[in-house]
N, C-alpha and C. Protein backbone atom coordinates (compact mmCIF):
# COMPACT_ATOMS: atom_id res chain seq x y z
N MET A 1 -85.66 50.87 39.73
CA MET A 1 -84.44 51.00 39.07
C MET A 1 -84.60 52.19 38.15
N THR A 2 -83.41 52.95 38.11
CA THR A 2 -83.37 54.28 37.47
C THR A 2 -82.59 53.96 36.14
N ASP A 3 -82.71 54.80 35.01
CA ASP A 3 -82.11 54.75 33.81
C ASP A 3 -80.72 55.54 34.03
N VAL A 4 -79.54 54.85 33.60
CA VAL A 4 -78.30 55.46 34.05
C VAL A 4 -77.67 55.61 32.63
N ARG A 5 -77.24 56.85 32.37
CA ARG A 5 -76.57 57.41 31.01
C ARG A 5 -75.09 56.82 31.23
N LEU A 6 -74.55 56.04 30.16
CA LEU A 6 -73.31 55.58 30.28
C LEU A 6 -72.30 56.35 29.20
N HIS A 7 -71.00 56.55 29.93
CA HIS A 7 -70.04 57.41 29.13
C HIS A 7 -69.17 56.36 28.72
N GLU A 8 -68.58 56.72 27.37
CA GLU A 8 -67.50 55.89 26.87
C GLU A 8 -66.21 56.20 27.68
N ILE A 9 -65.45 55.16 28.14
CA ILE A 9 -64.17 55.28 28.94
C ILE A 9 -63.05 54.72 28.10
N GLU A 10 -61.97 55.55 27.88
CA GLU A 10 -60.71 55.11 27.28
C GLU A 10 -59.88 54.41 28.18
N LEU A 11 -59.27 53.25 27.95
CA LEU A 11 -58.47 52.42 28.67
C LEU A 11 -56.98 52.67 28.31
N VAL A 12 -56.25 53.19 29.07
CA VAL A 12 -54.69 53.54 28.77
C VAL A 12 -53.94 52.44 29.34
N PRO A 13 -53.04 51.96 28.49
CA PRO A 13 -52.18 50.74 28.96
C PRO A 13 -51.17 51.21 29.85
N GLU A 14 -50.75 50.53 30.83
CA GLU A 14 -49.60 50.75 31.73
C GLU A 14 -48.37 50.40 31.02
N ARG A 15 -47.45 51.12 30.87
CA ARG A 15 -46.17 50.82 30.18
C ARG A 15 -45.31 49.93 31.11
N THR A 16 -44.89 48.77 30.47
CA THR A 16 -44.05 47.94 31.17
C THR A 16 -42.76 47.47 30.23
N LEU A 17 -41.77 46.85 30.81
CA LEU A 17 -40.69 46.40 29.95
C LEU A 17 -41.27 45.29 28.97
N GLY A 18 -41.06 45.53 27.72
CA GLY A 18 -41.53 44.51 26.75
C GLY A 18 -42.87 44.86 26.18
N SER A 19 -43.45 46.01 26.45
CA SER A 19 -44.75 46.54 26.06
C SER A 19 -44.61 46.51 24.52
N PRO A 20 -45.71 46.02 23.75
CA PRO A 20 -45.59 46.14 22.30
C PRO A 20 -45.67 47.78 21.87
N ALA A 21 -44.71 48.08 20.69
CA ALA A 21 -44.68 49.34 20.30
C ALA A 21 -46.09 50.06 19.91
N ASN A 22 -46.94 49.26 19.53
CA ASN A 22 -48.23 49.78 18.88
C ASN A 22 -49.38 49.60 20.05
N ASP A 23 -48.94 49.63 21.38
CA ASP A 23 -49.85 49.47 22.51
C ASP A 23 -50.68 50.73 22.66
N GLU A 24 -51.58 50.86 22.07
CA GLU A 24 -52.58 52.16 22.00
C GLU A 24 -53.73 51.94 23.00
N PRO A 25 -54.21 52.99 23.44
CA PRO A 25 -55.40 53.05 24.25
C PRO A 25 -56.63 52.13 23.60
N LEU A 26 -57.27 51.52 24.50
CA LEU A 26 -58.38 50.88 23.90
C LEU A 26 -59.73 51.69 24.02
N ARG A 27 -60.45 51.79 23.03
CA ARG A 27 -61.69 52.59 23.05
C ARG A 27 -62.81 51.55 22.64
N GLY A 28 -64.04 51.99 23.08
CA GLY A 28 -65.33 51.26 22.76
C GLY A 28 -65.36 49.85 23.61
N ARG A 29 -64.53 49.78 24.63
CA ARG A 29 -64.63 48.42 25.41
C ARG A 29 -65.30 48.51 26.73
N LEU A 30 -65.34 49.82 27.30
CA LEU A 30 -65.69 50.06 28.63
C LEU A 30 -66.65 51.38 28.70
N THR A 31 -67.85 51.13 29.31
CA THR A 31 -68.59 52.40 29.48
C THR A 31 -68.99 52.55 30.95
N PHE A 32 -69.13 53.62 31.64
CA PHE A 32 -69.41 53.89 32.98
C PHE A 32 -70.55 54.99 33.14
N GLY A 33 -71.38 54.81 34.03
CA GLY A 33 -72.41 55.73 34.21
C GLY A 33 -72.73 55.59 35.78
N TRP A 34 -73.48 56.85 36.16
CA TRP A 34 -73.83 57.00 37.56
C TRP A 34 -75.12 57.81 37.74
N ASP A 35 -75.70 57.62 38.73
CA ASP A 35 -76.88 58.39 39.18
C ASP A 35 -76.90 58.70 40.65
N LEU A 36 -77.46 59.84 41.12
CA LEU A 36 -77.57 60.12 42.35
C LEU A 36 -79.06 60.08 42.82
N LEU A 37 -79.46 59.43 43.94
CA LEU A 37 -80.80 59.24 44.05
C LEU A 37 -81.09 59.57 45.66
N PRO A 38 -82.21 60.01 46.04
CA PRO A 38 -82.60 60.30 47.51
C PRO A 38 -82.67 58.93 48.09
N ALA A 39 -82.42 59.03 49.46
CA ALA A 39 -82.29 57.71 50.25
C ALA A 39 -83.66 56.85 50.33
N ASP A 40 -84.85 57.60 50.05
CA ASP A 40 -86.00 57.02 50.07
C ASP A 40 -86.53 56.65 48.75
N HIS A 41 -85.53 56.66 47.60
CA HIS A 41 -86.11 56.36 46.21
C HIS A 41 -86.59 55.03 46.18
N GLU A 42 -87.61 54.90 45.17
CA GLU A 42 -88.25 53.55 45.01
C GLU A 42 -87.22 52.58 44.63
N GLY A 43 -87.28 51.35 45.10
CA GLY A 43 -86.37 50.35 44.74
C GLY A 43 -85.16 50.22 45.66
N VAL A 44 -84.97 51.05 46.68
CA VAL A 44 -83.91 51.04 47.52
C VAL A 44 -84.01 49.70 48.28
N PRO A 45 -82.79 49.05 48.45
CA PRO A 45 -82.66 47.67 49.20
C PRO A 45 -83.36 47.92 50.55
N ALA A 46 -83.92 46.75 51.18
CA ALA A 46 -84.74 46.92 52.29
C ALA A 46 -83.73 47.22 53.36
N GLU A 47 -82.52 46.58 53.38
CA GLU A 47 -81.54 46.86 54.47
C GLU A 47 -81.09 48.40 54.58
N TRP A 48 -81.11 49.15 53.39
CA TRP A 48 -80.83 50.56 53.36
C TRP A 48 -81.92 51.35 53.85
N GLN A 49 -83.19 50.96 53.53
CA GLN A 49 -84.31 51.47 54.06
C GLN A 49 -84.52 51.49 55.53
N SER A 50 -84.20 50.35 56.06
CA SER A 50 -84.24 50.18 57.58
C SER A 50 -83.12 51.00 58.16
N TYR A 51 -81.96 51.16 57.59
CA TYR A 51 -80.96 51.79 58.17
C TYR A 51 -81.28 53.34 58.13
N VAL A 52 -81.90 53.83 57.16
CA VAL A 52 -82.25 55.24 57.07
C VAL A 52 -83.26 55.59 58.04
N LYS A 53 -84.41 54.56 58.20
CA LYS A 53 -85.36 54.87 59.16
C LYS A 53 -84.73 55.06 60.58
N VAL A 54 -83.84 54.42 61.07
CA VAL A 54 -83.48 54.41 62.44
C VAL A 54 -82.36 55.49 62.59
N THR A 55 -82.03 56.21 61.63
CA THR A 55 -81.09 57.38 61.70
C THR A 55 -81.64 58.67 61.13
N PRO A 56 -82.76 58.92 61.60
CA PRO A 56 -83.54 60.20 60.81
C PRO A 56 -82.91 61.42 60.92
N ASP A 57 -81.75 61.54 61.83
CA ASP A 57 -81.19 62.90 62.03
C ASP A 57 -80.01 62.92 61.06
N ARG A 58 -79.81 62.05 60.15
CA ARG A 58 -78.64 62.05 59.26
C ARG A 58 -79.26 62.19 57.92
N GLU A 59 -78.23 62.61 57.01
CA GLU A 59 -78.62 62.96 55.47
C GLU A 59 -77.89 61.87 54.69
N PHE A 60 -78.67 61.22 53.82
CA PHE A 60 -78.00 60.22 52.95
C PHE A 60 -78.28 60.57 51.40
N ARG A 61 -77.52 59.82 50.56
CA ARG A 61 -77.78 59.76 49.18
C ARG A 61 -77.43 58.46 48.66
N GLN A 62 -78.20 57.94 47.69
CA GLN A 62 -77.79 56.76 47.10
C GLN A 62 -76.90 56.99 45.84
N LEU A 63 -75.72 56.45 45.87
CA LEU A 63 -74.85 56.45 44.59
C LEU A 63 -74.99 55.23 43.85
N LEU A 64 -75.63 55.30 42.83
CA LEU A 64 -75.65 54.24 41.81
C LEU A 64 -74.74 54.20 40.68
N MET A 65 -74.13 53.29 40.37
CA MET A 65 -73.04 53.37 39.21
C MET A 65 -73.19 51.91 38.52
N VAL A 66 -72.79 52.20 37.23
CA VAL A 66 -72.80 50.80 36.35
C VAL A 66 -71.52 50.85 35.55
N CYS A 67 -70.88 49.81 35.52
CA CYS A 67 -69.83 49.64 34.57
C CYS A 67 -70.22 48.56 33.55
N SER A 68 -70.08 48.77 32.28
CA SER A 68 -70.50 47.89 31.35
C SER A 68 -69.28 47.56 30.47
N PHE A 69 -68.96 46.18 30.47
CA PHE A 69 -67.79 45.61 29.73
C PHE A 69 -68.26 45.09 28.41
N ARG A 70 -67.55 45.29 27.43
CA ARG A 70 -67.89 44.81 26.08
C ARG A 70 -66.86 43.83 25.62
N PRO A 71 -67.38 42.80 24.81
CA PRO A 71 -66.37 41.66 24.38
C PRO A 71 -65.46 42.15 23.33
N GLU A 72 -64.37 41.47 23.23
CA GLU A 72 -63.31 41.79 22.23
C GLU A 72 -63.86 41.86 20.89
N THR A 73 -63.18 42.71 20.03
CA THR A 73 -63.60 42.74 18.68
C THR A 73 -62.28 42.57 17.73
N PRO A 74 -62.31 42.41 16.45
CA PRO A 74 -61.20 42.27 15.63
C PRO A 74 -60.35 43.67 15.67
N ALA A 75 -60.95 44.68 15.92
CA ALA A 75 -60.28 45.91 15.93
C ALA A 75 -59.76 46.22 17.41
N SER A 76 -60.27 45.46 18.35
CA SER A 76 -59.94 45.71 19.82
C SER A 76 -59.74 44.41 20.51
N LYS A 77 -58.54 43.92 20.49
CA LYS A 77 -58.25 42.56 21.10
C LYS A 77 -58.18 42.68 22.56
N GLY A 78 -58.35 41.48 23.25
CA GLY A 78 -58.23 41.28 24.67
C GLY A 78 -59.52 40.93 25.36
N ALA A 79 -59.52 40.01 26.17
CA ALA A 79 -60.79 39.56 27.01
C ALA A 79 -60.53 40.10 28.40
N PHE A 80 -61.64 40.89 28.85
CA PHE A 80 -61.48 41.31 30.48
C PHE A 80 -61.11 40.16 31.29
N ARG A 81 -60.37 40.23 32.16
CA ARG A 81 -59.96 39.31 33.14
C ARG A 81 -60.41 39.66 34.61
N HIS A 82 -60.14 41.01 34.72
CA HIS A 82 -60.35 41.54 36.17
C HIS A 82 -60.51 43.00 35.90
N ALA A 83 -61.40 43.71 36.82
CA ALA A 83 -61.42 45.16 37.02
C ALA A 83 -61.79 45.58 38.28
N SER A 84 -61.34 46.75 38.49
CA SER A 84 -61.80 47.34 39.94
C SER A 84 -62.34 48.85 39.65
N LEU A 85 -63.23 49.21 40.56
CA LEU A 85 -63.87 50.49 40.67
C LEU A 85 -63.74 50.90 41.95
N GLY A 86 -63.05 52.11 42.31
CA GLY A 86 -62.86 52.68 43.55
C GLY A 86 -63.59 54.11 43.68
N VAL A 87 -64.20 54.42 44.72
CA VAL A 87 -64.81 55.71 45.09
C VAL A 87 -64.06 56.25 46.34
N ALA A 88 -63.57 57.58 46.11
CA ALA A 88 -62.97 58.35 47.16
C ALA A 88 -63.86 59.40 47.63
N LEU A 89 -64.46 59.16 48.85
CA LEU A 89 -65.38 60.22 49.22
C LEU A 89 -64.70 61.36 50.04
N SER A 90 -65.11 62.58 49.78
CA SER A 90 -64.45 63.61 50.46
C SER A 90 -65.32 64.96 50.69
N THR A 91 -64.82 65.90 51.34
CA THR A 91 -65.47 67.22 51.38
C THR A 91 -64.49 68.37 51.40
N SER A 92 -64.94 69.60 51.24
CA SER A 92 -64.05 70.62 51.25
C SER A 92 -63.08 70.77 52.55
N ALA A 93 -63.87 70.30 53.61
CA ALA A 93 -63.18 70.28 54.83
C ALA A 93 -62.28 68.93 54.99
N SER A 94 -61.00 69.04 55.07
CA SER A 94 -60.05 67.98 55.05
C SER A 94 -60.44 66.94 56.11
N GLU A 95 -60.74 67.34 57.32
CA GLU A 95 -60.88 66.54 58.40
C GLU A 95 -62.30 65.76 58.37
N ALA A 96 -63.20 66.04 57.53
CA ALA A 96 -64.54 65.40 57.49
C ALA A 96 -64.63 64.67 56.21
N HIS A 97 -65.23 63.48 56.29
CA HIS A 97 -65.43 62.61 55.15
C HIS A 97 -66.99 62.08 55.11
N PRO A 98 -67.58 62.03 53.94
CA PRO A 98 -68.74 61.23 53.73
C PRO A 98 -68.29 59.80 53.91
N VAL A 99 -69.33 58.97 54.24
CA VAL A 99 -69.01 57.44 54.50
C VAL A 99 -70.08 56.66 53.78
N ALA A 100 -69.55 55.72 53.13
CA ALA A 100 -70.44 54.62 52.46
C ALA A 100 -70.94 53.67 53.45
N ARG A 101 -71.94 54.10 54.23
CA ARG A 101 -72.56 53.18 55.28
C ARG A 101 -72.87 51.83 54.92
N LEU A 102 -73.48 51.56 53.65
CA LEU A 102 -73.77 50.22 53.15
C LEU A 102 -73.60 50.12 51.73
N ILE A 103 -72.95 49.06 51.21
CA ILE A 103 -72.71 49.00 49.75
C ILE A 103 -73.35 47.76 49.19
N ASP A 104 -73.59 47.86 47.95
CA ASP A 104 -74.35 46.65 47.19
C ASP A 104 -73.55 46.49 45.90
N PRO A 105 -73.11 45.28 45.54
CA PRO A 105 -73.24 44.06 46.31
C PRO A 105 -72.18 43.93 47.24
N GLY A 106 -72.31 43.28 48.41
CA GLY A 106 -71.15 42.75 49.07
C GLY A 106 -70.49 41.62 48.29
N GLU A 107 -71.18 40.81 47.70
CA GLU A 107 -70.82 39.80 46.94
C GLU A 107 -71.84 39.33 45.90
N ARG A 108 -71.48 39.30 44.52
CA ARG A 108 -72.46 38.65 43.65
C ARG A 108 -71.78 37.37 43.05
N THR A 109 -72.52 36.37 42.86
CA THR A 109 -71.92 34.98 42.57
C THR A 109 -72.78 34.50 41.30
N ARG A 110 -71.89 33.46 40.81
CA ARG A 110 -72.63 32.72 39.59
C ARG A 110 -72.19 31.20 40.03
N PRO A 111 -73.08 30.24 39.71
CA PRO A 111 -72.72 28.74 39.95
C PRO A 111 -71.60 28.27 38.75
N VAL A 112 -70.69 27.66 39.24
CA VAL A 112 -69.55 27.15 38.39
C VAL A 112 -69.46 25.71 38.69
N SER A 113 -69.62 24.92 37.73
CA SER A 113 -69.36 23.38 37.77
C SER A 113 -68.09 23.05 38.31
N ALA A 114 -68.02 22.02 39.11
CA ALA A 114 -66.80 21.49 39.56
C ALA A 114 -66.16 20.69 38.45
N SER A 115 -64.88 20.42 38.71
CA SER A 115 -64.13 19.89 37.59
C SER A 115 -64.50 18.34 37.45
N GLY A 116 -64.85 17.67 38.37
CA GLY A 116 -65.34 16.33 38.43
C GLY A 116 -64.21 15.08 38.45
N THR A 117 -62.90 15.68 38.55
CA THR A 117 -61.80 14.79 38.75
C THR A 117 -60.87 15.18 39.85
N GLY A 118 -60.17 14.25 40.36
CA GLY A 118 -59.23 14.53 41.40
C GLY A 118 -57.95 13.60 41.28
N LEU A 119 -57.02 13.89 42.11
CA LEU A 119 -55.77 12.98 41.92
C LEU A 119 -55.69 12.00 43.30
N LYS A 120 -55.36 10.80 43.02
CA LYS A 120 -55.28 9.71 43.94
C LYS A 120 -53.86 9.42 44.23
N PHE A 121 -53.19 9.26 45.32
CA PHE A 121 -51.83 9.03 45.55
C PHE A 121 -51.77 7.74 46.24
N ALA A 122 -50.78 6.91 45.90
CA ALA A 122 -50.40 5.75 46.63
C ALA A 122 -48.97 5.37 46.57
N VAL A 123 -48.45 4.75 47.60
CA VAL A 123 -46.95 4.53 47.72
C VAL A 123 -47.03 3.00 47.54
N LYS A 124 -46.33 2.27 46.51
CA LYS A 124 -46.09 0.92 46.47
C LYS A 124 -44.76 0.55 46.36
N ALA A 125 -44.08 -0.11 47.19
CA ALA A 125 -42.76 -0.61 47.29
C ALA A 125 -41.71 0.66 47.09
N GLY A 126 -42.12 1.90 47.76
CA GLY A 126 -41.19 2.85 47.51
C GLY A 126 -41.47 3.76 46.27
N VAL A 127 -42.49 3.24 45.42
CA VAL A 127 -42.75 4.11 44.24
C VAL A 127 -44.05 4.80 44.37
N LEU A 128 -44.09 6.04 44.10
CA LEU A 128 -45.32 6.89 44.16
C LEU A 128 -46.00 6.73 42.99
N ASP A 129 -47.46 6.12 43.04
CA ASP A 129 -48.23 5.93 42.00
C ASP A 129 -49.34 6.94 42.23
N ILE A 130 -49.38 7.81 40.88
CA ILE A 130 -50.41 8.96 40.84
C ILE A 130 -51.46 8.46 39.85
N GLY A 131 -52.82 8.44 40.32
CA GLY A 131 -53.79 8.04 39.42
C GLY A 131 -54.85 9.10 39.42
N VAL A 132 -55.79 9.11 38.49
CA VAL A 132 -56.92 9.98 38.44
C VAL A 132 -58.03 9.40 39.05
N GLU A 133 -58.87 10.09 39.87
CA GLU A 133 -60.01 9.49 40.41
C GLU A 133 -61.15 10.55 40.30
N LYS A 134 -62.23 9.89 39.85
CA LYS A 134 -63.51 10.61 39.61
C LYS A 134 -64.53 10.28 40.71
N PRO A 135 -64.94 11.04 41.51
CA PRO A 135 -65.85 10.81 42.56
C PRO A 135 -67.24 10.27 41.94
N PRO A 136 -67.85 9.44 42.50
CA PRO A 136 -69.18 8.99 41.82
C PRO A 136 -70.30 9.92 41.86
N GLY A 137 -71.14 9.89 40.95
CA GLY A 137 -72.34 10.81 40.88
C GLY A 137 -71.94 12.22 40.15
N VAL A 138 -72.78 12.97 40.14
CA VAL A 138 -72.68 14.36 39.39
C VAL A 138 -72.22 15.29 40.40
N ASN A 139 -71.07 15.99 40.16
CA ASN A 139 -70.62 17.08 41.12
C ASN A 139 -71.49 18.31 41.23
N PRO A 140 -71.85 18.78 42.29
CA PRO A 140 -72.66 19.91 42.32
C PRO A 140 -71.95 21.18 42.00
N ALA A 141 -72.64 21.99 41.45
CA ALA A 141 -71.99 23.35 41.07
C ALA A 141 -71.75 24.20 42.17
N ARG A 142 -70.62 24.94 42.41
CA ARG A 142 -70.26 25.64 43.41
C ARG A 142 -70.38 27.13 43.02
N GLU A 143 -70.60 28.14 44.01
CA GLU A 143 -70.77 29.42 43.65
C GLU A 143 -69.42 30.13 43.75
N GLU A 144 -69.03 30.94 42.69
CA GLU A 144 -67.99 31.76 42.79
C GLU A 144 -68.32 33.25 42.56
N TRP A 145 -67.47 34.14 43.15
CA TRP A 145 -68.04 35.58 42.98
C TRP A 145 -67.51 36.13 41.72
N ILE A 146 -68.36 37.01 41.08
CA ILE A 146 -68.10 37.80 39.98
C ILE A 146 -67.87 39.18 40.32
N VAL A 147 -68.62 39.74 41.24
CA VAL A 147 -68.44 41.10 41.85
C VAL A 147 -68.24 40.94 43.39
N ARG A 148 -67.32 41.72 43.99
CA ARG A 148 -67.05 41.71 45.40
C ARG A 148 -66.72 42.97 45.74
N GLY A 149 -67.61 43.55 46.80
CA GLY A 149 -67.51 44.80 47.39
C GLY A 149 -66.72 44.91 48.69
N HIS A 150 -65.90 46.02 48.87
CA HIS A 150 -65.27 46.34 50.18
C HIS A 150 -65.43 47.61 50.55
N GLY A 151 -65.31 47.89 51.89
CA GLY A 151 -65.31 49.25 52.41
C GLY A 151 -66.53 49.78 52.98
N ALA A 152 -67.46 49.03 53.49
CA ALA A 152 -68.66 49.52 54.09
C ALA A 152 -68.19 50.22 55.40
N SER A 153 -68.82 51.44 55.53
CA SER A 153 -68.57 52.28 56.86
C SER A 153 -67.26 52.83 56.63
N GLN A 154 -66.78 52.90 55.30
CA GLN A 154 -65.62 53.69 55.15
C GLN A 154 -65.70 54.69 54.05
N PRO A 155 -64.81 55.71 53.92
CA PRO A 155 -65.04 56.75 52.90
C PRO A 155 -64.32 56.41 51.50
N ASN A 156 -63.90 55.11 51.30
CA ASN A 156 -63.30 54.65 50.15
C ASN A 156 -63.85 53.36 49.73
N PRO A 157 -65.00 53.16 49.46
CA PRO A 157 -65.49 51.81 48.92
C PRO A 157 -64.96 51.44 47.67
N GLN A 158 -64.81 50.12 47.40
CA GLN A 158 -64.36 49.68 45.96
C GLN A 158 -65.18 48.38 45.69
N TRP A 159 -65.05 47.99 44.49
CA TRP A 159 -65.68 46.79 43.96
C TRP A 159 -64.59 46.24 42.86
N GLU A 160 -64.67 44.90 43.02
CA GLU A 160 -63.81 44.11 42.06
C GLU A 160 -64.69 43.27 41.16
N PHE A 161 -64.40 43.19 39.92
CA PHE A 161 -65.16 42.31 38.87
C PHE A 161 -64.16 41.32 38.41
N ARG A 162 -64.52 40.14 38.16
CA ARG A 162 -63.78 39.29 37.46
C ARG A 162 -64.57 38.08 36.71
N ARG A 163 -63.82 37.54 35.65
CA ARG A 163 -64.50 36.43 35.02
C ARG A 163 -64.37 35.23 35.72
N VAL A 164 -65.34 34.31 35.43
CA VAL A 164 -65.18 32.94 36.10
C VAL A 164 -65.64 31.98 35.04
N LYS A 165 -65.33 30.65 35.21
CA LYS A 165 -65.43 29.76 34.23
C LYS A 165 -67.11 29.70 33.64
N ARG A 166 -67.29 29.83 32.39
CA ARG A 166 -68.52 30.06 31.70
C ARG A 166 -69.24 31.35 31.94
N PHE A 167 -68.69 32.31 32.51
CA PHE A 167 -69.19 33.62 32.69
C PHE A 167 -68.07 34.65 32.36
N PRO A 168 -67.89 34.95 31.11
CA PRO A 168 -66.93 36.08 30.89
C PRO A 168 -67.23 37.46 31.40
N LEU A 169 -66.36 38.32 31.60
CA LEU A 169 -66.64 39.67 32.18
C LEU A 169 -67.12 40.44 31.10
N VAL A 170 -68.43 40.44 30.81
CA VAL A 170 -69.09 41.33 29.82
C VAL A 170 -70.33 41.66 30.16
N GLY A 171 -70.95 42.76 29.70
CA GLY A 171 -72.27 43.06 30.08
C GLY A 171 -72.12 44.23 31.22
N ASP A 172 -73.47 44.65 31.71
CA ASP A 172 -73.60 45.49 32.69
C ASP A 172 -73.46 45.04 34.06
N HIS A 173 -72.74 45.79 35.01
CA HIS A 173 -72.64 45.39 36.38
C HIS A 173 -72.96 46.48 37.13
N PRO A 174 -74.01 46.68 37.76
CA PRO A 174 -74.43 47.67 38.62
C PRO A 174 -73.82 47.48 40.01
N VAL A 175 -73.45 48.70 40.65
CA VAL A 175 -73.14 48.65 42.05
C VAL A 175 -73.64 49.90 42.81
N GLY A 176 -73.70 50.05 44.04
CA GLY A 176 -74.21 51.16 44.84
C GLY A 176 -73.59 51.23 46.05
N ALA A 177 -73.89 52.55 46.68
CA ALA A 177 -73.42 52.83 48.10
C ALA A 177 -74.42 53.85 48.75
N LEU A 178 -74.92 53.58 49.81
CA LEU A 178 -75.73 54.38 50.61
C LEU A 178 -74.71 55.28 51.41
N VAL A 179 -74.61 56.51 50.94
CA VAL A 179 -73.53 57.49 51.40
C VAL A 179 -74.17 58.43 52.49
N GLU A 180 -73.58 58.55 53.67
CA GLU A 180 -73.95 59.42 54.61
C GLU A 180 -73.16 60.74 54.37
N LEU A 181 -73.91 61.79 54.32
CA LEU A 181 -73.21 63.04 53.90
C LEU A 181 -72.75 63.82 55.12
N VAL A 182 -71.79 64.75 54.90
CA VAL A 182 -71.34 65.62 55.93
C VAL A 182 -72.12 66.91 55.78
N PRO A 183 -72.90 67.41 56.90
CA PRO A 183 -73.66 68.57 56.72
C PRO A 183 -72.86 69.81 56.47
N ASP A 184 -73.50 70.65 55.84
CA ASP A 184 -72.94 72.16 55.41
C ASP A 184 -71.59 72.03 54.73
N GLN A 185 -71.35 71.02 54.00
CA GLN A 185 -70.06 70.88 53.28
C GLN A 185 -70.52 70.32 51.78
N VAL A 186 -69.53 70.71 50.91
CA VAL A 186 -69.58 70.20 49.52
C VAL A 186 -69.14 68.80 49.62
N ASN A 187 -69.88 67.80 49.34
CA ASN A 187 -69.75 66.30 49.52
C ASN A 187 -69.37 65.79 47.92
N THR A 188 -68.35 65.28 47.82
CA THR A 188 -67.88 64.72 46.34
C THR A 188 -67.52 63.26 46.39
N ALA A 189 -67.54 62.69 45.28
CA ALA A 189 -66.95 61.29 45.18
C ALA A 189 -66.08 61.34 43.94
N GLU A 190 -64.93 60.92 44.06
CA GLU A 190 -63.99 60.74 42.95
C GLU A 190 -63.85 59.27 42.52
N VAL A 191 -64.01 58.98 41.31
CA VAL A 191 -64.16 57.65 40.66
C VAL A 191 -62.79 57.40 40.09
N LEU A 192 -62.29 56.11 40.46
CA LEU A 192 -60.89 55.65 39.97
C LEU A 192 -61.28 54.14 39.31
N MET A 193 -60.75 53.88 38.20
CA MET A 193 -61.00 52.55 37.58
C MET A 193 -59.85 51.87 36.95
N ALA A 194 -59.68 50.57 36.96
CA ALA A 194 -58.55 49.88 36.30
C ALA A 194 -59.10 48.69 35.84
N ALA A 195 -58.26 48.09 34.87
CA ALA A 195 -58.84 46.73 34.25
C ALA A 195 -57.58 45.95 33.82
N GLU A 196 -57.69 44.63 33.84
CA GLU A 196 -56.89 43.76 33.24
C GLU A 196 -57.35 42.90 32.14
N LEU A 197 -56.69 42.86 30.94
CA LEU A 197 -57.33 42.25 29.77
C LEU A 197 -56.15 41.19 29.44
N GLU A 198 -56.61 40.02 28.96
CA GLU A 198 -55.75 38.95 28.60
C GLU A 198 -55.66 39.00 27.00
N HIS A 199 -54.53 39.10 26.42
CA HIS A 199 -54.45 39.03 25.02
C HIS A 199 -53.66 37.83 24.65
N ARG A 200 -54.18 37.18 23.48
CA ARG A 200 -53.46 36.01 23.01
C ARG A 200 -51.98 36.12 22.72
N ASN A 201 -51.57 37.22 22.18
CA ASN A 201 -50.08 37.32 22.09
C ASN A 201 -49.38 38.10 23.14
N TRP A 202 -49.84 38.94 23.84
CA TRP A 202 -49.17 39.76 24.83
C TRP A 202 -49.36 39.30 26.19
N GLY A 203 -50.39 38.22 26.40
CA GLY A 203 -50.56 37.93 27.89
C GLY A 203 -51.44 38.77 28.57
N VAL A 204 -51.43 39.06 29.94
CA VAL A 204 -52.32 39.87 30.80
C VAL A 204 -51.57 41.19 30.69
N ARG A 205 -52.41 42.18 30.32
CA ARG A 205 -52.07 43.47 30.33
C ARG A 205 -52.92 44.29 31.25
N ARG A 206 -52.42 45.31 31.88
CA ARG A 206 -53.14 46.03 32.89
C ARG A 206 -53.32 47.55 32.30
N TYR A 207 -54.54 48.21 32.35
CA TYR A 207 -54.99 49.44 32.06
C TYR A 207 -55.63 50.29 33.08
N ARG A 208 -55.46 51.55 32.96
CA ARG A 208 -56.15 52.35 33.67
C ARG A 208 -57.17 53.23 33.02
N ALA A 209 -58.28 53.53 33.63
CA ALA A 209 -59.32 54.16 32.94
C ALA A 209 -59.02 55.79 32.80
N ARG A 210 -59.14 56.36 31.63
CA ARG A 210 -59.01 57.83 31.46
C ARG A 210 -60.39 58.49 31.66
N LEU A 211 -60.67 58.96 32.84
CA LEU A 211 -61.97 59.56 33.16
C LEU A 211 -61.94 60.97 32.87
N GLU A 212 -62.95 61.36 32.17
CA GLU A 212 -63.22 62.99 31.95
C GLU A 212 -63.77 63.47 33.35
N PRO A 213 -63.77 64.82 33.46
CA PRO A 213 -64.26 65.37 34.71
C PRO A 213 -65.62 65.03 34.89
N SER A 214 -66.57 64.90 34.02
CA SER A 214 -67.96 64.67 34.28
C SER A 214 -68.35 63.52 35.22
N PRO A 215 -67.77 62.23 34.50
CA PRO A 215 -67.83 61.09 35.41
C PRO A 215 -66.84 60.86 36.66
N HIS A 216 -65.78 61.78 36.49
CA HIS A 216 -64.74 61.56 37.43
C HIS A 216 -65.01 62.07 38.85
N ALA A 217 -65.48 63.28 39.01
CA ALA A 217 -65.94 63.89 40.38
C ALA A 217 -67.35 64.01 40.44
N ILE A 218 -68.05 63.46 41.25
CA ILE A 218 -69.49 63.39 41.41
C ILE A 218 -69.75 64.36 42.58
N VAL A 219 -70.62 65.35 42.47
CA VAL A 219 -71.00 66.16 43.61
C VAL A 219 -72.31 65.60 44.15
N LEU A 220 -72.08 65.05 45.41
CA LEU A 220 -73.15 64.47 46.09
C LEU A 220 -74.11 65.39 46.85
N ARG A 221 -73.50 66.42 47.25
CA ARG A 221 -74.26 67.52 48.00
C ARG A 221 -73.40 68.90 47.82
N GLY A 222 -74.05 69.98 47.45
CA GLY A 222 -73.39 71.14 47.24
C GLY A 222 -73.61 72.10 48.37
């Protein structure tokens, strides 16, 4: 694992009908960082290593990214509910695109306890009787995703992040892609981010990330 320097990201609210007048950008709630590594860097996933070995005539880079979500504070209200990170891969030649051959994670999960209750329906003399039924024994925990990746073998991979029961959307969430580069071209990755926060008074509000040029456009190969 490599050390990734994180940059503060400003979250700009999307203006909608009924938006509060003092709906200012959120600061200090989200940071983003990235690093570019050679395909054979130490710690590469075994699947990536195998893919690179069977395609020795191609050029790859590991694009490692980290989104760090911070909990709400008295000065910055709202809890993260959902977020997305998209990467648009391109070159100076419009007809050629780098491709995220493999992505990580495809899905990252956490165990979530089942509710332990269910509804029981019965009809007696034309009257619908609804009761609560609890299955015997302890219900096993089920796995629910907290990070889900899409777009393997595409030039536009993306990841979704969400909170689930007992696991708020806070802390560091690393993701990555094994990018096949287009030879003899300037290969770049443009980063786009958005998030939804749930406010006690305003409900769910959507924000887009205001990314500065440094973390916004990543040069994969010059």
